């Protein structure tokens, strides 16, 4: 899954293209692209796009999220700590090309339903 949060829709489109290229270069499938048109400082619980990420992860449809930087998901250090705890509980990793891996290394895989 690709995710970004930005206030400019043209920038969102450019970022998603870059993330798609990153995923492709790594050989990772992209089943979903989600974004929020909001400042990254808006708490993720108030972002419809991020709520979609959480919903898909809880249903087992996503095991990895690729975002440009962790600050697009969790703005403050305390939010990042909370995010790490949620990710561990949901068995989801976040890959951030600008930051390096945010969670322990993982390889995004296709959910079983999508492999059939």
Protein backbone atom coordinates (compact mmCIF):
# COMPACT_ATOMS: atom_id res chain seq x y z
CA UNK A 1 0.00 0.00 0.00
CA UNK A 2 1.21 3.49 -0.81
CA UNK A 3 0.35 6.38 1.48
CA UNK A 4 1.06 10.09 1.52
CA UNK A 5 -0.32 13.16 3.26
CA UNK A 6 0.05 16.56 1.64
CA UNK A 7 -2.02 19.72 1.16
CA UNK A 8 -1.43 19.94 -2.61
CA UNK A 9 -3.18 17.43 -4.90
CA UNK A 10 -0.57 17.83 -7.67
CA UNK A 11 2.18 17.05 -5.16
CA UNK A 12 0.22 14.00 -3.96
CA UNK A 13 0.05 12.71 -7.55
CA UNK A 14 3.82 13.20 -8.00
CA UNK A 15 4.61 11.51 -4.68
CA UNK A 16 2.44 8.50 -5.52
CA UNK A 17 4.24 8.11 -8.86
CA UNK A 18 7.59 8.19 -7.03
CA UNK A 19 6.40 5.67 -4.43
CA UNK A 20 5.03 3.39 -7.16
CA UNK A 21 8.44 3.49 -8.84
CA UNK A 22 10.17 2.71 -5.54
CA UNK A 23 7.89 -0.28 -4.92
CA UNK A 24 8.35 -1.52 -8.48
CA UNK A 25 12.15 -1.25 -8.28
CA UNK A 26 12.02 -3.37 -5.11
CA UNK A 27 9.66 -5.91 -6.73
CA UNK A 28 6.87 -5.19 -4.25
CA UNK A 29 3.22 -5.34 -5.30
CA UNK A 30 1.05 -2.26 -4.89
CA UNK A 31 -2.58 -3.14 -4.29
CA UNK A 32 -3.76 0.16 -2.84
CA UNK A 33 -2.86 3.83 -3.05
CA UNK A 34 -4.23 6.05 -0.29
CA UNK A 35 -3.65 9.70 0.50
CA UNK A 36 -4.91 12.52 2.63
CA UNK A 37 -5.19 16.11 1.43
CA UNK A 38 -4.26 17.61 4.77
CA UNK A 39 -1.25 18.99 6.59
CA UNK A 40 0.82 16.10 8.01
CA UNK A 41 0.47 17.66 11.46
CA UNK A 42 -3.23 16.68 11.50
CA UNK A 43 -3.50 13.62 13.79
CA UNK A 44 -3.85 10.47 11.71
CA UNK A 45 -7.02 9.45 13.56
CA UNK A 46 -8.66 12.50 11.92
CA UNK A 47 -7.54 11.56 8.41
CA UNK A 48 -9.90 9.49 6.26
CA UNK A 49 -7.05 8.06 4.17
CA UNK A 50 -5.08 6.84 7.17
CA UNK A 51 -8.24 5.35 8.71
CA UNK A 52 -8.58 3.38 5.46
CA UNK A 53 -5.00 2.11 5.90
CA UNK A 54 -5.81 0.93 9.43
CA UNK A 55 -9.05 -0.72 8.31
CA UNK A 56 -7.35 -2.65 5.49
CA UNK A 57 -4.51 -3.69 7.81
CA UNK A 58 -6.94 -4.94 10.44
CA UNK A 59 -8.69 -7.02 7.77
CA UNK A 60 -5.33 -8.52 6.75
CA UNK A 61 -5.39 -6.94 3.29
CA UNK A 62 -2.18 -4.98 3.88
CA UNK A 63 1.06 -6.00 5.58
CA UNK A 64 3.20 -3.03 4.54
CA UNK A 65 2.78 0.69 3.93
CA UNK A 66 5.21 2.67 1.82
CA UNK A 67 5.21 6.39 2.64
CA UNK A 68 7.82 9.03 1.76
CA UNK A 69 8.67 9.76 5.40
CA UNK A 70 7.28 8.71 8.77
CA UNK A 71 6.33 12.34 9.51
CA UNK A 72 3.64 12.06 6.82
CA UNK A 73 2.00 9.42 9.02
CA UNK A 74 2.92 10.50 12.55
CA UNK A 75 4.11 14.06 13.03
CA UNK A 76 5.48 14.09 16.58
CA UNK A 77 7.79 11.68 18.40
CA UNK A 78 4.97 10.62 20.74
CA UNK A 79 2.70 9.92 17.75
CA UNK A 80 5.53 7.90 16.18
CA UNK A 81 5.84 5.79 19.34
CA UNK A 82 2.09 5.15 19.30
CA UNK A 83 2.28 4.31 15.60
CA UNK A 84 5.08 1.77 16.20
CA UNK A 85 3.00 0.04 18.86
CA UNK A 86 -0.03 -0.13 16.55
CA UNK A 87 2.08 -1.44 13.66
CA UNK A 88 3.55 -4.20 15.80
CA UNK A 89 0.11 -5.23 17.01
CA UNK A 90 -1.29 -5.20 13.48
CA UNK A 91 1.75 -7.02 11.99
CA UNK A 92 2.29 -4.18 9.53
CA UNK A 93 5.57 -2.55 8.63
CA UNK A 94 6.18 0.92 7.25
CA UNK A 95 8.85 1.57 4.65
CA UNK A 96 9.94 5.19 4.26
CA UNK A 97 12.43 5.84 1.43
CA UNK A 98 13.40 9.24 2.87
CA UNK A 99 13.98 7.82 6.38
CA UNK A 100 14.97 4.22 5.75
CA UNK A 101 12.87 1.49 7.33
CA UNK A 102 10.62 2.67 10.14
CA UNK A 103 9.66 -0.80 11.39
CA UNK A 104 11.76 -3.97 11.34
CA UNK A 105 12.56 -5.09 7.82
CA UNK A 106 9.81 -6.86 5.96
CA UNK A 107 8.87 -7.63 2.42
CA UNK A 108 5.41 -6.56 1.33
CA UNK A 109 3.46 -9.54 0.04
CA UNK A 110 0.20 -10.02 -1.74
CA UNK A 111 -2.68 -11.10 0.47
CA UNK A 112 -3.76 -14.66 -0.29
CA UNK A 113 -7.00 -13.50 -1.94
CA UNK A 114 -5.06 -11.36 -4.42
CA UNK A 115 -2.64 -14.19 -5.32
CA UNK A 116 -5.38 -16.46 -6.64
